[in-house]
């Protein structure tokens, strides 16, 4: 799960500035966690403690209100009677990776991904983006090859994963939709050769950098199974103690090397 948070923190200075290169410092003074991290931690907490996803998102979101939430999500967060708002935004995909790490069957991952998305992002594209991301994490974690992941996600969800980052990058612009950013984030993982590479490639597309790097980083962590010490240290140094406790508890409960 730390790969998701690494993508968010490393990508945070690049949002809105259309970085089109993989050559940039991993960590700097402007690197910080944003809504991607807050809500990913909330998803992990919901799984660990069997708390409804909506309650976890509202509890953590209100605890960290200055984390660059989208306007519709922030209104939902602060509403007295929150309702799903038919969003197709990539917020459903950015927070879903813990489901792919925690659940061991295709059916349970798809079901839980839909449940986590639907409390806010109940548009079919919002649900599809969450399911595609969570299923890619599951397949990466359980030994599927990149070709197998590419084929399954393409066929099941109708995403065009035949392109490369190099082909996408020149004309790609900022998208917050699942349909306009989740496939490209998955491609960044597919083109990578390490966790760091996946994060750099996702950011280099010049789009919604922190969220796309979070999505790519989560899948890459599941596939490559290790996090470089420099990245782990850079992440942990920027997280509050309550996040670290949940992260460590989750990784103890759902280790990557557990019997499948």
C-alpha atoms as a PDB file:
ATOM      1  CA  UNK A   1       0.000   0.000   0.000  1.00  0.00           C
ATOM      2  CA  UNK A   2       2.929   2.357   0.544  1.00  0.00           C
ATOM      3  CA  UNK A   3       3.341   2.540  -3.243  1.00  0.00           C
ATOM      4  CA  UNK A   4       0.027   4.398  -3.476  1.00  0.00           C
ATOM      5  CA  UNK A   5       1.111   6.955  -0.897  1.00  0.00           C
ATOM      6  CA  UNK A   6       4.533   7.326  -2.513  1.00  0.00           C
ATOM      7  CA  UNK A   7       2.842   8.197  -5.805  1.00  0.00           C
ATOM      8  CA  UNK A   8       0.713  10.825  -4.095  1.00  0.00           C
ATOM      9  CA  UNK A   9       3.561  12.482  -2.207  1.00  0.00           C
ATOM     10  CA  UNK A  10       6.047  12.397  -5.100  1.00  0.00           C
ATOM     11  CA  UNK A  11       3.385  13.559  -7.543  1.00  0.00           C
ATOM     12  CA  UNK A  12       1.995  16.360  -5.381  1.00  0.00           C
ATOM     13  CA  UNK A  13       4.301  19.164  -6.652  1.00  0.00           C
ATOM     14  CA  UNK A  14       3.577  18.212 -10.277  1.00  0.00           C
ATOM     15  CA  UNK A  15      -0.202  18.545 -10.273  1.00  0.00           C
ATOM     16  CA  UNK A  16      -1.411  21.300 -12.625  1.00  0.00           C
ATOM     17  CA  UNK A  17       2.050  21.995 -14.107  1.00  0.00           C
ATOM     18  CA  UNK A  18       2.081  19.360 -16.873  1.00  0.00           C
ATOM     19  CA  UNK A  19       5.444  17.761 -16.193  1.00  0.00           C
ATOM     20  CA  UNK A  20       6.438  15.932 -19.385  1.00  0.00           C
ATOM     21  CA  UNK A  21       9.654  14.264 -18.261  1.00  0.00           C
ATOM     22  CA  UNK A  22      10.723  11.490 -15.913  1.00  0.00           C
ATOM     23  CA  UNK A  23      13.727  13.529 -14.785  1.00  0.00           C
ATOM     24  CA  UNK A  24      12.796  15.266 -11.535  1.00  0.00           C
ATOM     25  CA  UNK A  25      13.722  14.945  -7.836  1.00  0.00           C
ATOM     26  CA  UNK A  26      11.699  12.323  -6.019  1.00  0.00           C
ATOM     27  CA  UNK A  27      11.259  14.344  -2.835  1.00  0.00           C
ATOM     28  CA  UNK A  28      11.506  18.061  -2.176  1.00  0.00           C
ATOM     29  CA  UNK A  29      10.151  20.742   0.107  1.00  0.00           C
ATOM     30  CA  UNK A  30       6.821  20.881  -1.753  1.00  0.00           C
ATOM     31  CA  UNK A  31       6.119  17.145  -1.482  1.00  0.00           C
ATOM     32  CA  UNK A  32       3.231  16.349   0.844  1.00  0.00           C
ATOM     33  CA  UNK A  33       0.356  13.933   1.188  1.00  0.00           C
ATOM     34  CA  UNK A  34      -3.023  14.930  -0.263  1.00  0.00           C
ATOM     35  CA  UNK A  35      -6.525  13.489  -0.529  1.00  0.00           C
ATOM     36  CA  UNK A  36      -5.210  10.365  -2.289  1.00  0.00           C
ATOM     37  CA  UNK A  37      -3.322   9.369   0.857  1.00  0.00           C
ATOM     38  CA  UNK A  38      -6.040  10.405   3.326  1.00  0.00           C
ATOM     39  CA  UNK A  39      -8.695   8.339   1.573  1.00  0.00           C
ATOM     40  CA  UNK A  40      -6.427   5.362   0.887  1.00  0.00           C
ATOM     41  CA  UNK A  41      -5.637   5.243   4.602  1.00  0.00           C
ATOM     42  CA  UNK A  42      -9.382   5.518   5.266  1.00  0.00           C
ATOM     43  CA  UNK A  43     -10.055   2.536   2.987  1.00  0.00           C
ATOM     44  CA  UNK A  44      -7.419   0.510   4.830  1.00  0.00           C
ATOM     45  CA  UNK A  45      -8.953   1.529   8.158  1.00  0.00           C
ATOM     46  CA  UNK A  46     -12.415   0.510   6.960  1.00  0.00           C
ATOM     47  CA  UNK A  47     -11.116  -2.940   5.995  1.00  0.00           C
ATOM     48  CA  UNK A  48      -9.147  -3.416   9.213  1.00  0.00           C
ATOM     49  CA  UNK A  49     -11.966  -2.382  11.509  1.00  0.00           C
ATOM     50  CA  UNK A  50     -15.012  -3.380   9.447  1.00  0.00           C
ATOM     51  CA  UNK A  51     -16.204   0.204   9.298  1.00  0.00           C
ATOM     52  CA  UNK A  52     -18.491   1.293   6.429  1.00  0.00           C
ATOM     53  CA  UNK A  53     -16.515   3.013   3.701  1.00  0.00           C
ATOM     54  CA  UNK A  54     -18.634   6.164   3.840  1.00  0.00           C
ATOM     55  CA  UNK A  55     -18.054   6.550   7.562  1.00  0.00           C
ATOM     56  CA  UNK A  56     -14.300   6.052   7.202  1.00  0.00           C
ATOM     57  CA  UNK A  57     -14.070   8.573   4.364  1.00  0.00           C
ATOM     58  CA  UNK A  58     -16.038  11.166   6.305  1.00  0.00           C
ATOM     59  CA  UNK A  59     -14.143  10.597   9.558  1.00  0.00           C
ATOM     60  CA  UNK A  60     -10.704  10.861   7.962  1.00  0.00           C
ATOM     61  CA  UNK A  61     -11.692  13.570   5.518  1.00  0.00           C
ATOM     62  CA  UNK A  62     -13.026  15.791   8.271  1.00  0.00           C
ATOM     63  CA  UNK A  63      -9.932  15.119  10.357  1.00  0.00           C
ATOM     64  CA  UNK A  64      -7.761  16.309   7.452  1.00  0.00           C
ATOM     65  CA  UNK A  65      -9.952  18.884   5.676  1.00  0.00           C
ATOM     66  CA  UNK A  66      -7.137  20.755   3.909  1.00  0.00           C
ATOM     67  CA  UNK A  67      -6.030  17.957   1.603  1.00  0.00           C
ATOM     68  CA  UNK A  68      -7.072  19.258  -1.825  1.00  0.00           C
ATOM     69  CA  UNK A  69     -10.355  17.374  -2.169  1.00  0.00           C
ATOM     70  CA  UNK A  70     -12.426  17.911  -5.268  1.00  0.00           C
ATOM     71  CA  UNK A  71     -15.316  20.304  -4.804  1.00  0.00           C
ATOM     72  CA  UNK A  72     -18.090  17.715  -5.076  1.00  0.00           C
ATOM     73  CA  UNK A  73     -16.361  15.366  -2.660  1.00  0.00           C
ATOM     74  CA  UNK A  74     -15.769  18.190  -0.180  1.00  0.00           C
ATOM     75  CA  UNK A  75     -19.466  19.086  -0.287  1.00  0.00           C
ATOM     76  CA  UNK A  76     -20.313  15.423   0.346  1.00  0.00           C
ATOM     77  CA  UNK A  77     -17.785  15.340   3.162  1.00  0.00           C
ATOM     78  CA  UNK A  78     -19.374  18.268   4.962  1.00  0.00           C
ATOM     79  CA  UNK A  79     -23.020  17.505   4.198  1.00  0.00           C
ATOM     80  CA  UNK A  80     -25.442  16.608   6.980  1.00  0.00           C
ATOM     81  CA  UNK A  81     -27.069  13.943   4.807  1.00  0.00           C
ATOM     82  CA  UNK A  82     -24.459  12.865   2.232  1.00  0.00           C
ATOM     83  CA  UNK A  83     -25.623  11.098  -0.917  1.00  0.00           C
ATOM     84  CA  UNK A  84     -23.724   9.667  -3.885  1.00  0.00           C
ATOM     85  CA  UNK A  85     -23.351  12.297  -6.598  1.00  0.00           C
ATOM     86  CA  UNK A  86     -22.931  10.272  -9.812  1.00  0.00           C
ATOM     87  CA  UNK A  87     -19.258  11.108 -10.156  1.00  0.00           C
ATOM     88  CA  UNK A  88     -17.082   9.525 -12.819  1.00  0.00           C
ATOM     89  CA  UNK A  89     -13.980  11.159 -11.327  1.00  0.00           C
ATOM     90  CA  UNK A  90     -10.804   9.271 -10.529  1.00  0.00           C
ATOM     91  CA  UNK A  91     -11.285   9.710  -6.781  1.00  0.00           C
ATOM     92  CA  UNK A  92     -12.883   6.257  -6.691  1.00  0.00           C
ATOM     93  CA  UNK A  93      -9.719   4.712  -8.185  1.00  0.00           C
ATOM     94  CA  UNK A  94      -7.162   6.646  -6.151  1.00  0.00           C
ATOM     95  CA  UNK A  95      -8.395   5.218  -2.816  1.00  0.00           C
ATOM     96  CA  UNK A  96      -9.216   1.631  -3.760  1.00  0.00           C
ATOM     97  CA  UNK A  97      -5.840  -0.178  -3.758  1.00  0.00           C
ATOM     98  CA  UNK A  98      -6.117  -1.573  -0.191  1.00  0.00           C
ATOM     99  CA  UNK A  99      -9.014  -3.713  -1.416  1.00  0.00           C
ATOM    100  CA  UNK A 100      -6.748  -5.389  -3.978  1.00  0.00           C
ATOM    101  CA  UNK A 101      -4.154  -5.989  -1.265  1.00  0.00           C
ATOM    102  CA  UNK A 102      -6.597  -7.328   1.330  1.00  0.00           C
ATOM    103  CA  UNK A 103      -9.076  -9.501  -0.593  1.00  0.00           C
ATOM    104  CA  UNK A 104      -7.997 -12.681  -2.340  1.00  0.00           C
ATOM    105  CA  UNK A 105     -10.680 -13.482  -4.914  1.00  0.00           C
ATOM    106  CA  UNK A 106     -11.832 -11.727  -8.036  1.00  0.00           C
ATOM    107  CA  UNK A 107     -15.428 -11.670  -6.833  1.00  0.00           C
ATOM    108  CA  UNK A 108     -14.640 -10.150  -3.450  1.00  0.00           C
ATOM    109  CA  UNK A 109     -12.329  -7.520  -4.956  1.00  0.00           C
ATOM    110  CA  UNK A 110     -14.871  -6.425  -7.564  1.00  0.00           C
ATOM    111  CA  UNK A 111     -17.679  -6.354  -4.989  1.00  0.00           C
ATOM    112  CA  UNK A 112     -15.721  -4.364  -2.423  1.00  0.00           C
ATOM    113  CA  UNK A 113     -14.356  -1.973  -5.042  1.00  0.00           C
ATOM    114  CA  UNK A 114     -17.894  -1.211  -6.155  1.00  0.00           C
ATOM    115  CA  UNK A 115     -19.026  -0.706  -2.571  1.00  0.00           C
ATOM    116  CA  UNK A 116     -16.149   1.665  -1.848  1.00  0.00           C
ATOM    117  CA  UNK A 117     -16.804   3.684  -5.002  1.00  0.00           C
ATOM    118  CA  UNK A 118     -20.580   3.838  -4.858  1.00  0.00           C
ATOM    119  CA  UNK A 119     -20.823   5.875  -1.651  1.00  0.00           C
ATOM    120  CA  UNK A 120     -19.740   8.863  -3.762  1.00  0.00           C
ATOM    121  CA  UNK A 121     -18.797   7.814  -7.298  1.00  0.00           C
ATOM    122  CA  UNK A 122     -21.882   5.826  -8.279  1.00  0.00           C
ATOM    123  CA  UNK A 123     -21.626   6.639 -11.993  1.00  0.00           C
ATOM    124  CA  UNK A 124     -20.782   3.456 -13.985  1.00  0.00           C
ATOM    125  CA  UNK A 125     -17.430   4.936 -15.023  1.00  0.00           C
ATOM    126  CA  UNK A 126     -16.573   5.778 -11.412  1.00  0.00           C
ATOM    127  CA  UNK A 127     -17.303   2.215 -10.361  1.00  0.00           C
ATOM    128  CA  UNK A 128     -15.449   0.773 -13.359  1.00  0.00           C
ATOM    129  CA  UNK A 129     -12.326   2.803 -12.591  1.00  0.00           C
ATOM    130  CA  UNK A 130     -12.254   1.557  -9.012  1.00  0.00           C
ATOM    131  CA  UNK A 131     -12.830  -2.048 -10.043  1.00  0.00           C
ATOM    132  CA  UNK A 132     -10.167  -1.954 -12.765  1.00  0.00           C
ATOM    133  CA  UNK A 133      -7.587  -0.548 -10.368  1.00  0.00           C
ATOM    134  CA  UNK A 134      -8.370  -2.969  -7.552  1.00  0.00           C
ATOM    135  CA  UNK A 135      -8.407  -5.976  -9.884  1.00  0.00           C
ATOM    136  CA  UNK A 136      -5.065  -4.930 -11.390  1.00  0.00           C
ATOM    137  CA  UNK A 137      -3.622  -4.791  -7.861  1.00  0.00           C
ATOM    138  CA  UNK A 138      -4.981  -8.268  -7.094  1.00  0.00           C
ATOM    139  CA  UNK A 139      -3.611  -9.766 -10.314  1.00  0.00           C
ATOM    140  CA  UNK A 140      -0.242  -8.060  -9.842  1.00  0.00           C
ATOM    141  CA  UNK A 141      -0.065  -9.307  -6.258  1.00  0.00           C
ATOM    142  CA  UNK A 142      -0.956 -12.888  -7.129  1.00  0.00           C
ATOM    143  CA  UNK A 143       1.543 -13.511  -9.901  1.00  0.00           C
ATOM    144  CA  UNK A 144      -0.092 -12.474 -13.160  1.00  0.00           C
ATOM    145  CA  UNK A 145       2.239 -11.271 -15.883  1.00  0.00           C
ATOM    146  CA  UNK A 146       1.946  -7.786 -17.335  1.00  0.00           C
ATOM    147  CA  UNK A 147       0.567  -9.242 -20.560  1.00  0.00           C
ATOM    148  CA  UNK A 148      -2.095 -11.104 -18.589  1.00  0.00           C
ATOM    149  CA  UNK A 149      -3.023  -7.966 -16.640  1.00  0.00           C
ATOM    150  CA  UNK A 150      -3.165  -5.915 -19.845  1.00  0.00           C
ATOM    151  CA  UNK A 151      -5.407  -8.434 -21.558  1.00  0.00           C
ATOM    152  CA  UNK A 152      -7.802  -8.978 -18.661  1.00  0.00           C
ATOM    153  CA  UNK A 153      -8.292  -5.309 -17.771  1.00  0.00           C
ATOM    154  CA  UNK A 154      -8.708  -4.387 -21.446  1.00  0.00           C
ATOM    155  CA  UNK A 155     -11.289  -7.086 -22.106  1.00  0.00           C
ATOM    156  CA  UNK A 156     -13.264  -6.716 -18.891  1.00  0.00           C
ATOM    157  CA  UNK A 157     -13.402  -2.919 -18.711  1.00  0.00           C
ATOM    158  CA  UNK A 158     -12.979  -1.822 -22.312  1.00  0.00           C
ATOM    159  CA  UNK A 159      -9.851   0.227 -21.638  1.00  0.00           C
ATOM    160  CA  UNK A 160      -7.352   0.698 -24.463  1.00  0.00           C
ATOM    161  CA  UNK A 161      -4.104  -0.516 -22.924  1.00  0.00           C
ATOM    162  CA  UNK A 162      -2.374  -1.123 -26.259  1.00  0.00           C
ATOM    163  CA  UNK A 163      -0.691   2.303 -26.179  1.00  0.00           C
ATOM    164  CA  UNK A 164       2.601   3.229 -24.539  1.00  0.00           C
ATOM    165  CA  UNK A 165       3.480   6.172 -22.307  1.00  0.00           C
ATOM    166  CA  UNK A 166       5.690   7.526 -25.103  1.00  0.00           C
ATOM    167  CA  UNK A 167       2.728   7.509 -27.487  1.00  0.00           C
ATOM    168  CA  UNK A 168       0.324   9.087 -24.984  1.00  0.00           C
ATOM    169  CA  UNK A 169       2.574  11.765 -23.462  1.00  0.00           C
ATOM    170  CA  UNK A 170       2.866  14.380 -26.251  1.00  0.00           C
ATOM    171  CA  UNK A 171      -0.857  15.118 -26.519  1.00  0.00           C
ATOM    172  CA  UNK A 172      -2.083  14.108 -23.086  1.00  0.00           C
ATOM    173  CA  UNK A 173      -3.755  16.796 -20.980  1.00  0.00           C
ATOM    174  CA  UNK A 174      -5.143  16.965 -17.465  1.00  0.00           C
ATOM    175  CA  UNK A 175      -8.128  14.644 -16.880  1.00  0.00           C
ATOM    176  CA  UNK A 176      -9.930  13.924 -13.624  1.00  0.00           C
ATOM    177  CA  UNK A 177     -12.291  11.343 -15.125  1.00  0.00           C
ATOM    178  CA  UNK A 178     -11.704   7.654 -14.532  1.00  0.00           C
ATOM    179  CA  UNK A 179     -12.043   7.004 -18.256  1.00  0.00           C
ATOM    180  CA  UNK A 180      -9.461   9.662 -19.052  1.00  0.00           C
ATOM    181  CA  UNK A 181      -6.845   8.789 -16.436  1.00  0.00           C
ATOM    182  CA  UNK A 182      -7.169   5.247 -15.091  1.00  0.00           C
ATOM    183  CA  UNK A 183      -6.139   3.486 -18.339  1.00  0.00           C
ATOM    184  CA  UNK A 184      -3.157   5.815 -18.702  1.00  0.00           C
ATOM    185  CA  UNK A 185      -2.132   5.174 -15.084  1.00  0.00           C
ATOM    186  CA  UNK A 186      -2.267   1.424 -15.649  1.00  0.00           C
ATOM    187  CA  UNK A 187      -0.162   1.857 -18.801  1.00  0.00           C
ATOM    188  CA  UNK A 188       2.454   3.711 -16.738  1.00  0.00           C
ATOM    189  CA  UNK A 189       2.724   0.591 -14.584  1.00  0.00           C
ATOM    190  CA  UNK A 190       2.789  -1.711 -17.607  1.00  0.00           C
ATOM    191  CA  UNK A 191       5.653   0.281 -19.166  1.00  0.00           C
ATOM    192  CA  UNK A 192       7.662   0.402 -15.930  1.00  0.00           C
ATOM    193  CA  UNK A 193      10.547  -1.710 -14.665  1.00  0.00           C
ATOM    194  CA  UNK A 194      10.266  -0.765 -10.963  1.00  0.00           C
ATOM    195  CA  UNK A 195       8.039   1.039  -8.480  1.00  0.00           C
ATOM    196  CA  UNK A 196      10.025   4.243  -8.956  1.00  0.00           C
ATOM    197  CA  UNK A 197       9.788   3.902 -12.727  1.00  0.00           C
ATOM    198  CA  UNK A 198       5.992   3.486 -12.596  1.00  0.00           C
ATOM    199  CA  UNK A 199       5.608   6.638 -10.504  1.00  0.00           C
ATOM    200  CA  UNK A 200       7.935   8.657 -12.727  1.00  0.00           C
ATOM    201  CA  UNK A 201       6.167   7.500 -15.895  1.00  0.00           C
ATOM    202  CA  UNK A 202       2.715   8.339 -14.514  1.00  0.00           C
ATOM    203  CA  UNK A 203       3.825  11.836 -13.511  1.00  0.00           C
ATOM    204  CA  UNK A 204       5.538  12.360 -16.869  1.00  0.00           C
ATOM    205  CA  UNK A 205       2.212  12.156 -18.687  1.00  0.00           C
ATOM    206  CA  UNK A 206       1.517  15.671 -17.468  1.00  0.00           C
ATOM    207  CA  UNK A 207      -1.952  15.027 -16.102  1.00  0.00           C
ATOM    208  CA  UNK A 208      -3.461  14.610 -12.645  1.00  0.00           C
ATOM    209  CA  UNK A 209       0.007  13.739 -11.409  1.00  0.00           C
ATOM    210  CA  UNK A 210      -0.515  12.741  -7.787  1.00  0.00           C
ATOM    211  CA  UNK A 211      -3.590  10.622  -8.443  1.00  0.00           C
ATOM    212  CA  UNK A 212      -2.193   8.927 -11.535  1.00  0.00           C
ATOM    213  CA  UNK A 213       1.069   8.183  -9.730  1.00  0.00           C
ATOM    214  CA  UNK A 214      -0.934   6.791  -6.800  1.00  0.00           C
ATOM    215  CA  UNK A 215      -2.835   4.413  -9.071  1.00  0.00           C
ATOM    216  CA  UNK A 216       0.312   3.313 -10.910  1.00  0.00           C
ATOM    217  CA  UNK A 217       2.278   3.112  -7.655  1.00  0.00           C
ATOM    218  CA  UNK A 218      -0.230   0.826  -5.980  1.00  0.00           C
ATOM    219  CA  UNK A 219      -0.225  -1.662  -8.845  1.00  0.00           C
ATOM    220  CA  UNK A 220       3.565  -1.471  -9.105  1.00  0.00           C
ATOM    221  CA  UNK A 221       4.003  -2.136  -5.376  1.00  0.00           C
ATOM    222  CA  UNK A 222       1.843  -5.246  -5.720  1.00  0.00           C
ATOM    223  CA  UNK A 223       3.792  -6.434  -8.779  1.00  0.00           C
ATOM    224  CA  UNK A 224       7.392  -5.650  -7.785  1.00  0.00           C
ATOM    225  CA  UNK A 225       6.689  -6.435  -4.124  1.00  0.00           C
ATOM    226  CA  UNK A 226       9.343  -4.136  -2.659  1.00  0.00           C
ATOM    227  CA  UNK A 227       9.699  -0.432  -1.950  1.00  0.00           C
ATOM    228  CA  UNK A 228      13.176   1.137  -2.182  1.00  0.00           C
ATOM    229  CA  UNK A 229      14.412   2.362   1.184  1.00  0.00           C
ATOM    230  CA  UNK A 230      14.796   5.927  -0.083  1.00  0.00           C
ATOM    231  CA  UNK A 231      11.140   6.004  -1.129  1.00  0.00           C
ATOM    232  CA  UNK A 232       9.901   4.347   2.045  1.00  0.00           C
ATOM    233  CA  UNK A 233      11.848   6.813   4.168  1.00  0.00           C
ATOM    234  CA  UNK A 234      10.641   9.786   2.137  1.00  0.00           C
ATOM    235  CA  UNK A 235       7.045   8.660   2.591  1.00  0.00           C
ATOM    236  CA  UNK A 236       7.207   7.816   6.280  1.00  0.00           C
ATOM    237  CA  UNK A 237       8.906  11.117   7.115  1.00  0.00           C
ATOM    238  CA  UNK A 238       5.881  12.962   5.709  1.00  0.00           C
ATOM    239  CA  UNK A 239       3.055  11.024   7.344  1.00  0.00           C
ATOM    240  CA  UNK A 240       1.389  11.714  10.702  1.00  0.00           C
ATOM    241  CA  UNK A 241       1.623   9.096  13.407  1.00  0.00           C
ATOM    242  CA  UNK A 242      -1.978   7.925  13.069  1.00  0.00           C
ATOM    243  CA  UNK A 243      -1.436   7.182   9.350  1.00  0.00           C
ATOM    244  CA  UNK A 244       1.753   5.262  10.103  1.00  0.00           C
ATOM    245  CA  UNK A 245      -0.036   3.133  12.679  1.00  0.00           C
ATOM    246  CA  UNK A 246      -2.771   2.198  10.203  1.00  0.00           C
ATOM    247  CA  UNK A 247      -0.258   1.573   7.405  1.00  0.00           C
ATOM    248  CA  UNK A 248       1.848  -0.707   9.586  1.00  0.00           C
ATOM    249  CA  UNK A 249      -1.206  -2.521  10.970  1.00  0.00           C
ATOM    250  CA  UNK A 250      -2.518  -3.095   7.447  1.00  0.00           C
ATOM    251  CA  UNK A 251       0.777  -4.419   6.145  1.00  0.00           C
ATOM    252  CA  UNK A 252       1.077  -6.778   9.122  1.00  0.00           C
ATOM    253  CA  UNK A 253      -2.463  -8.050   8.584  1.00  0.00           C
ATOM    254  CA  UNK A 254      -2.140  -8.364   4.814  1.00  0.00           C
ATOM    255  CA  UNK A 255       1.516  -9.049   3.962  1.00  0.00           C
ATOM    256  CA  UNK A 256       2.420  -9.437   0.328  1.00  0.00           C
ATOM    257  CA  UNK A 257       4.089 -12.773   0.980  1.00  0.00           C
ATOM    258  CA  UNK A 258       1.117 -14.403   2.695  1.00  0.00           C
ATOM    259  CA  UNK A 259      -0.103 -17.792   1.472  1.00  0.00           C
ATOM    260  CA  UNK A 260      -2.633 -17.331  -1.304  1.00  0.00           C
END
